[in-house]
Amino acid sequence: MGLGGISFGSLLLIFLIIVVLFGTKRLRDIGEDLGQAVRNFRKGLQEPEDKDLKGISKHDRQDP
């Protein structure tokens, strides 16, 4: 038994159908794009918020 009642053979069959439909090059491109999106998202979470406010002068900010 695999994931949620799907056997290993079924997962392999689904994977093979996806490879045939999209091709290996297209799947590689999708994987690279997805990886880059995740990296950019994580990078955005780690950057300080002050970087977003860089173009705003201190006078224009409304700090609580």
PDB file of N, CA and C in Angstrom:
ATOM      1  N   MET A   1       0.852  -1.177   0.000  1.00  0.00           N
ATOM      2  CA  MET A   1       0.000   0.000   0.000  1.00  0.00           C
ATOM      3  C   MET A   1       0.893   1.234   0.000  1.00  0.00           C
ATOM      4  N   GLY A   2       0.572   2.204  -0.832  1.00  0.00           N
ATOM      5  CA  GLY A   2       1.353   3.422  -0.965  1.00  0.00           C
ATOM      6  C   GLY A   2       0.714   4.589  -0.230  1.00  0.00           C
ATOM      7  N   LEU A   3       0.604   5.674  -0.913  1.00  0.00           N
ATOM      8  CA  LEU A   3       0.044   6.888  -0.344  1.00  0.00           C
ATOM      9  C   LEU A   3      -1.473   6.884  -0.427  1.00  0.00           C
ATOM     10  N   GLY A   4      -2.139   6.870   0.689  1.00  0.00           N
ATOM     11  CA  GLY A   4      -3.587   6.966   0.722  1.00  0.00           C
ATOM     12  C   GLY A   4      -4.312   5.879  -0.049  1.00  0.00           C
ATOM     13  N   GLY A   5      -3.810   4.664  -0.031  1.00  0.00           N
ATOM     14  CA  GLY A   5      -4.476   3.574  -0.700  1.00  0.00           C
ATOM     15  C   GLY A   5      -4.060   3.375  -2.150  1.00  0.00           C
ATOM     16  N   ILE A   6      -3.075   4.145  -2.631  1.00  0.00           N
ATOM     17  CA  ILE A   6      -2.582   3.985  -4.001  1.00  0.00           C
ATOM     18  C   ILE A   6      -1.331   3.118  -3.938  1.00  0.00           C
ATOM     19  N   SER A   7      -1.322   2.055  -4.693  1.00  0.00           N
ATOM     20  CA  SER A   7      -0.182   1.141  -4.653  1.00  0.00           C
ATOM     21  C   SER A   7       0.994   1.719  -5.438  1.00  0.00           C
ATOM     22  N   PHE A   8       2.148   1.128  -5.223  1.00  0.00           N
ATOM     23  CA  PHE A   8       3.364   1.563  -5.908  1.00  0.00           C
ATOM     24  C   PHE A   8       3.225   1.402  -7.418  1.00  0.00           C
ATOM     25  N   GLY A   9       2.621   0.330  -7.847  1.00  0.00           N
ATOM     26  CA  GLY A   9       2.416   0.092  -9.275  1.00  0.00           C
ATOM     27  C   GLY A   9       1.538   1.169  -9.913  1.00  0.00           C
ATOM     28  N   SER A  10       0.505   1.600  -9.192  1.00  0.00           N
ATOM     29  CA  SER A  10      -0.368   2.661  -9.697  1.00  0.00           C
ATOM     30  C   SER A  10       0.384   3.980  -9.807  1.00  0.00           C
ATOM     31  N   LEU A  11       1.200   4.282  -8.799  1.00  0.00           N
ATOM     32  CA  LEU A  11       2.001   5.508  -8.845  1.00  0.00           C
ATOM     33  C   LEU A  11       2.969   5.492 -10.020  1.00  0.00           C
ATOM     34  N   LEU A  12       3.578   4.341 -10.263  1.00  0.00           N
ATOM     35  CA  LEU A  12       4.505   4.201 -11.383  1.00  0.00           C
ATOM     36  C   LEU A  12       3.785   4.390 -12.711  1.00  0.00           C
ATOM     37  N   LEU A  13       2.606   3.827 -12.841  1.00  0.00           N
ATOM     38  CA  LEU A  13       1.819   3.979 -14.054  1.00  0.00           C
ATOM     39  C   LEU A  13       1.422   5.437 -14.282  1.00  0.00           C
ATOM     40  N   ILE A  14       1.001   6.126 -13.241  1.00  0.00           N
ATOM     41  CA  ILE A  14       0.650   7.546 -13.347  1.00  0.00           C
ATOM     42  C   ILE A  14       1.866   8.361 -13.761  1.00  0.00           C
ATOM     43  N   PHE A  15       3.017   8.075 -13.177  1.00  0.00           N
ATOM     44  CA  PHE A  15       4.251   8.778 -13.526  1.00  0.00           C
ATOM     45  C   PHE A  15       4.610   8.570 -14.991  1.00  0.00           C
ATOM     46  N   LEU A  16       4.504   7.340 -15.471  1.00  0.00           N
ATOM     47  CA  LEU A  16       4.817   7.045 -16.871  1.00  0.00           C
ATOM     48  C   LEU A  16       3.865   7.760 -17.829  1.00  0.00           C
ATOM     49  N   ILE A  17       2.593   7.832 -17.489  1.00  0.00           N
ATOM     50  CA  ILE A  17       1.626   8.544 -18.322  1.00  0.00           C
ATOM     51  C   ILE A  17       1.964  10.029 -18.371  1.00  0.00           C
ATOM     52  N   ILE A  18       2.331  10.615 -17.243  1.00  0.00           N
ATOM     53  CA  ILE A  18       2.703  12.033 -17.202  1.00  0.00           C
ATOM     54  C   ILE A  18       3.939  12.287 -18.054  1.00  0.00           C
ATOM     55  N   VAL A  19       4.927  11.403 -17.980  1.00  0.00           N
ATOM     56  CA  VAL A  19       6.149  11.553 -18.788  1.00  0.00           C
ATOM     57  C   VAL A  19       5.812  11.478 -20.273  1.00  0.00           C
ATOM     58  N   VAL A  20       4.935  10.565 -20.655  1.00  0.00           N
ATOM     59  CA  VAL A  20       4.560  10.434 -22.063  1.00  0.00           C
ATOM     60  C   VAL A  20       3.799  11.675 -22.536  1.00  0.00           C
ATOM     61  N   LEU A  21       2.890  12.182 -21.702  1.00  0.00           N
ATOM     62  CA  LEU A  21       2.092  13.339 -22.104  1.00  0.00           C
ATOM     63  C   LEU A  21       2.925  14.614 -22.232  1.00  0.00           C
ATOM     64  N   PHE A  22       3.776  14.885 -21.255  1.00  0.00           N
ATOM     65  CA  PHE A  22       4.509  16.145 -21.226  1.00  0.00           C
ATOM     66  C   PHE A  22       5.916  16.042 -21.794  1.00  0.00           C
ATOM     67  N   GLY A  23       6.527  14.910 -21.708  1.00  0.00           N
ATOM     68  CA  GLY A  23       7.909  14.764 -22.155  1.00  0.00           C
ATOM     69  C   GLY A  23       8.872  15.154 -21.048  1.00  0.00           C
ATOM     70  N   THR A  24      10.073  14.612 -21.125  1.00  0.00           N
ATOM     71  CA  THR A  24      11.038  14.842 -20.050  1.00  0.00           C
ATOM     72  C   THR A  24      11.540  16.276 -20.020  1.00  0.00           C
ATOM     73  N   LYS A  25      11.697  16.907 -21.180  1.00  0.00           N
ATOM     74  CA  LYS A  25      12.197  18.286 -21.210  1.00  0.00           C
ATOM     75  C   LYS A  25      11.201  19.236 -20.549  1.00  0.00           C
ATOM     76  N   ARG A  26       9.936  19.075 -20.866  1.00  0.00           N
ATOM     77  CA  ARG A  26       8.908  19.946 -20.293  1.00  0.00           C
ATOM     78  C   ARG A  26       8.798  19.725 -18.779  1.00  0.00           C
ATOM     79  N   LEU A  27       8.892  18.477 -18.343  1.00  0.00           N
ATOM     80  CA  LEU A  27       8.849  18.205 -16.899  1.00  0.00           C
ATOM     81  C   LEU A  27      10.045  18.822 -16.191  1.00  0.00           C
ATOM     82  N   ARG A  28      11.223  18.780 -16.826  1.00  0.00           N
ATOM     83  CA  ARG A  28      12.415  19.389 -16.250  1.00  0.00           C
ATOM     84  C   ARG A  28      12.221  20.904 -16.128  1.00  0.00           C
ATOM     85  N   ASP A  29      11.652  21.525 -17.159  1.00  0.00           N
ATOM     86  CA  ASP A  29      11.398  22.966 -17.118  1.00  0.00           C
ATOM     87  C   ASP A  29      10.409  23.325 -16.010  1.00  0.00           C
ATOM     88  N   ILE A  30       9.371  22.523 -15.878  1.00  0.00           N
ATOM     89  CA  ILE A  30       8.385  22.770 -14.820  1.00  0.00           C
ATOM     90  C   ILE A  30       9.040  22.646 -13.445  1.00  0.00           C
ATOM     91  N   GLY A  31       9.880  21.633 -13.259  1.00  0.00           N
ATOM     92  CA  GLY A  31      10.583  21.450 -11.989  1.00  0.00           C
ATOM     93  C   GLY A  31      11.517  22.605 -11.675  1.00  0.00           C
ATOM     94  N   GLU A  32      12.245  23.076 -12.677  1.00  0.00           N
ATOM     95  CA  GLU A  32      13.149  24.215 -12.465  1.00  0.00           C
ATOM     96  C   GLU A  32      12.366  25.476 -12.103  1.00  0.00           C
ATOM     97  N   ASP A  33      11.272  25.732 -12.807  1.00  0.00           N
ATOM     98  CA  ASP A  33      10.454  26.910 -12.521  1.00  0.00           C
ATOM     99  C   ASP A  33       9.848  26.844 -11.123  1.00  0.00           C
ATOM    100  N   LEU A  34       9.389  25.671 -10.741  1.00  0.00           N
ATOM    101  CA  LEU A  34       8.812  25.494  -9.409  1.00  0.00           C
ATOM    102  C   LEU A  34       9.880  25.681  -8.330  1.00  0.00           C
ATOM    103  N   GLY A  35      11.065  25.127  -8.548  1.00  0.00           N
ATOM    104  CA  GLY A  35      12.158  25.301  -7.588  1.00  0.00           C
ATOM    105  C   GLY A  35      12.568  26.746  -7.443  1.00  0.00           C
ATOM    106  N   GLN A  36      12.635  27.472  -8.551  1.00  0.00           N
ATOM    107  CA  GLN A  36      12.999  28.888  -8.506  1.00  0.00           C
ATOM    108  C   GLN A  36      11.928  29.692  -7.772  1.00  0.00           C
ATOM    109  N   ALA A  37      10.666  29.371  -7.983  1.00  0.00           N
ATOM    110  CA  ALA A  37       9.583  30.071  -7.293  1.00  0.00           C
ATOM    111  C   ALA A  37       9.659  29.847  -5.788  1.00  0.00           C
ATOM    112  N   VAL A  38       9.954  28.614  -5.370  1.00  0.00           N
ATOM    113  CA  VAL A  38      10.059  28.314  -3.943  1.00  0.00           C
ATOM    114  C   VAL A  38      11.252  29.055  -3.329  1.00  0.00           C
ATOM    115  N   ARG A  39      12.397  29.064  -4.048  1.00  0.00           N
ATOM    116  CA  ARG A  39      13.571  29.795  -3.549  1.00  0.00           C
ATOM    117  C   ARG A  39      13.285  31.281  -3.404  1.00  0.00           C
ATOM    118  N   ASN A  40      12.631  31.879  -4.386  1.00  0.00           N
ATOM    119  CA  ASN A  40      12.305  33.303  -4.309  1.00  0.00           C
ATOM    120  C   ASN A  40      11.327  33.590  -3.184  1.00  0.00           C
ATOM    121  N   PHE A  41      10.383  32.693  -2.961  1.00  0.00           N
ATOM    122  CA  PHE A  41       9.428  32.868  -1.875  1.00  0.00           C
ATOM    123  C   PHE A  41      10.138  32.834  -0.527  1.00  0.00           C
ATOM    124  N   ARG A  42      11.023  31.850  -0.339  1.00  0.00           N
ATOM    125  CA  ARG A  42      11.770  31.749   0.921  1.00  0.00           C
ATOM    126  C   ARG A  42      12.675  32.961   1.117  1.00  0.00           C
ATOM    127  N   LYS A  43      13.312  33.415   0.048  1.00  0.00           N
ATOM    128  CA  LYS A  43      14.177  34.589   0.120  1.00  0.00           C
ATOM    129  C   LYS A  43      13.371  35.822   0.522  1.00  0.00           C
ATOM    130  N   GLY A  44      12.161  35.938  -0.031  1.00  0.00           N
ATOM    131  CA  GLY A  44      11.291  37.053   0.314  1.00  0.00           C
ATOM    132  C   GLY A  44      10.863  37.035   1.767  1.00  0.00           C
ATOM    133  N   LEU A  45      10.696  35.845   2.327  1.00  0.00           N
ATOM    134  CA  LEU A  45      10.325  35.749   3.735  1.00  0.00           C
ATOM    135  C   LEU A  45      11.472  36.118   4.660  1.00  0.00           C
ATOM    136  N   GLN A  46      12.709  35.901   4.219  1.00  0.00           N
ATOM    137  CA  GLN A  46      13.866  36.153   5.063  1.00  0.00           C
ATOM    138  C   GLN A  46      14.347  37.600   5.007  1.00  0.00           C
ATOM    139  N   GLU A  47      13.982  38.340   3.962  1.00  0.00           N
ATOM    140  CA  GLU A  47      14.436  39.719   3.840  1.00  0.00           C
ATOM    141  C   GLU A  47      13.717  40.596   4.856  1.00  0.00           C
ATOM    142  N   PRO A  48      14.427  41.564   5.408  1.00  0.00           N
ATOM    143  CA  PRO A  48      13.785  42.451   6.388  1.00  0.00           C
ATOM    144  C   PRO A  48      12.720  43.329   5.722  1.00  0.00           C
ATOM    145  N   GLU A  49      11.755  43.724   6.508  1.00  0.00           N
ATOM    146  CA  GLU A  49      10.645  44.526   5.992  1.00  0.00           C
ATOM    147  C   GLU A  49      11.096  45.930   5.612  1.00  0.00           C
ATOM    148  N   ASP A  50      12.168  46.422   6.232  1.00  0.00           N
ATOM    149  CA  ASP A  50      12.659  47.761   5.933  1.00  0.00           C
ATOM    150  C   ASP A  50      13.058  47.904   4.476  1.00  0.00           C
ATOM    151  N   LYS A  51      13.448  46.823   3.838  1.00  0.00           N
ATOM    152  CA  LYS A  51      13.840  46.869   2.435  1.00  0.00           C
ATOM    153  C   LYS A  51      12.652  47.271   1.567  1.00  0.00           C
ATOM    154  N   ASP A  52      11.444  46.866   1.965  1.00  0.00           N
ATOM    155  CA  ASP A  52      10.243  47.231   1.227  1.00  0.00           C
ATOM    156  C   ASP A  52       9.934  48.726   1.372  1.00  0.00           C
ATOM    157  N   LEU A  53      10.332  49.298   2.484  1.00  0.00           N
ATOM    158  CA  LEU A  53      10.040  50.698   2.761  1.00  0.00           C
ATOM    159  C   LEU A  53      11.192  51.623   2.368  1.00  0.00           C
ATOM    160  N   LYS A  54      12.144  51.138   1.614  1.00  0.00           N
ATOM    161  CA  LYS A  54      13.344  51.885   1.266  1.00  0.00           C
ATOM    162  C   LYS A  54      13.028  53.182   0.523  1.00  0.00           C
ATOM    163  N   GLY A  55      12.065  53.161  -0.372  1.00  0.00           N
ATOM    164  CA  GLY A  55      11.742  54.338  -1.164  1.00  0.00           C
ATOM    165  C   GLY A  55      10.871  55.342  -0.449  1.00  0.00           C
ATOM    166  N   ILE A  56      10.397  55.013   0.742  1.00  0.00           N
ATOM    167  CA  ILE A  56       9.508  55.900   1.486  1.00  0.00           C
ATOM    168  C   ILE A  56      10.332  56.662   2.516  1.00  0.00           C
ATOM    169  N   SER A  57      10.144  57.975   2.554  1.00  0.00           N
ATOM    170  CA  SER A  57      10.897  58.776   3.518  1.00  0.00           C
ATOM    171  C   SER A  57      10.341  58.562   4.921  1.00  0.00           C
ATOM    172  N   LYS A  58      11.135  58.905   5.938  1.00  0.00           N
ATOM    173  CA  LYS A  58      10.695  58.737   7.326  1.00  0.00           C
ATOM    174  C   LYS A  58       9.458  59.566   7.611  1.00  0.00           C
ATOM    175  N   HIS A  59       9.355  60.710   6.997  1.00  0.00           N
ATOM    176  CA  HIS A  59       8.222  61.604   7.239  1.00  0.00           C
ATOM    177  C   HIS A  59       6.923  60.995   6.727  1.00  0.00           C
ATOM    178  N   ASP A  60       6.991  60.243   5.625  1.00  0.00           N
ATOM    179  CA  ASP A  60       5.789  59.669   5.017  1.00  0.00           C
ATOM    180  C   ASP A  60       5.328  58.388   5.723  1.00  0.00           C
ATOM    181  N   ARG A  61       6.205  57.743   6.471  1.00  0.00           N
ATOM    182  CA  ARG A  61       5.834  56.498   7.164  1.00  0.00           C
ATOM    183  C   ARG A  61       4.905  56.793   8.326  1.00  0.00           C
ATOM    184  N   GLN A  62       4.065  55.846   8.609  1.00  0.00           N
ATOM    185  CA  GLN A  62       3.149  55.962   9.745  1.00  0.00           C
ATOM    186  C   GLN A  62       3.452  54.847  10.717  1.00  0.00           C
ATOM    187  N   ASP A  63       4.543  54.990  11.471  1.00  0.00           N
ATOM    188  CA  ASP A  63       4.921  53.978  12.451  1.00  0.00           C
ATOM    189  C   ASP A  63       4.036  54.112  13.675  1.00  0.00           C
ATOM    190  N   PRO A  64       3.566  52.995  14.222  1.00  0.00           N
ATOM    191  CA  PRO A  64       2.707  53.038  15.422  1.00  0.00           C
ATOM    192  C   PRO A  64       3.456  53.416  16.656  1.00  0.00           C
TER     193      PRO A  64
END
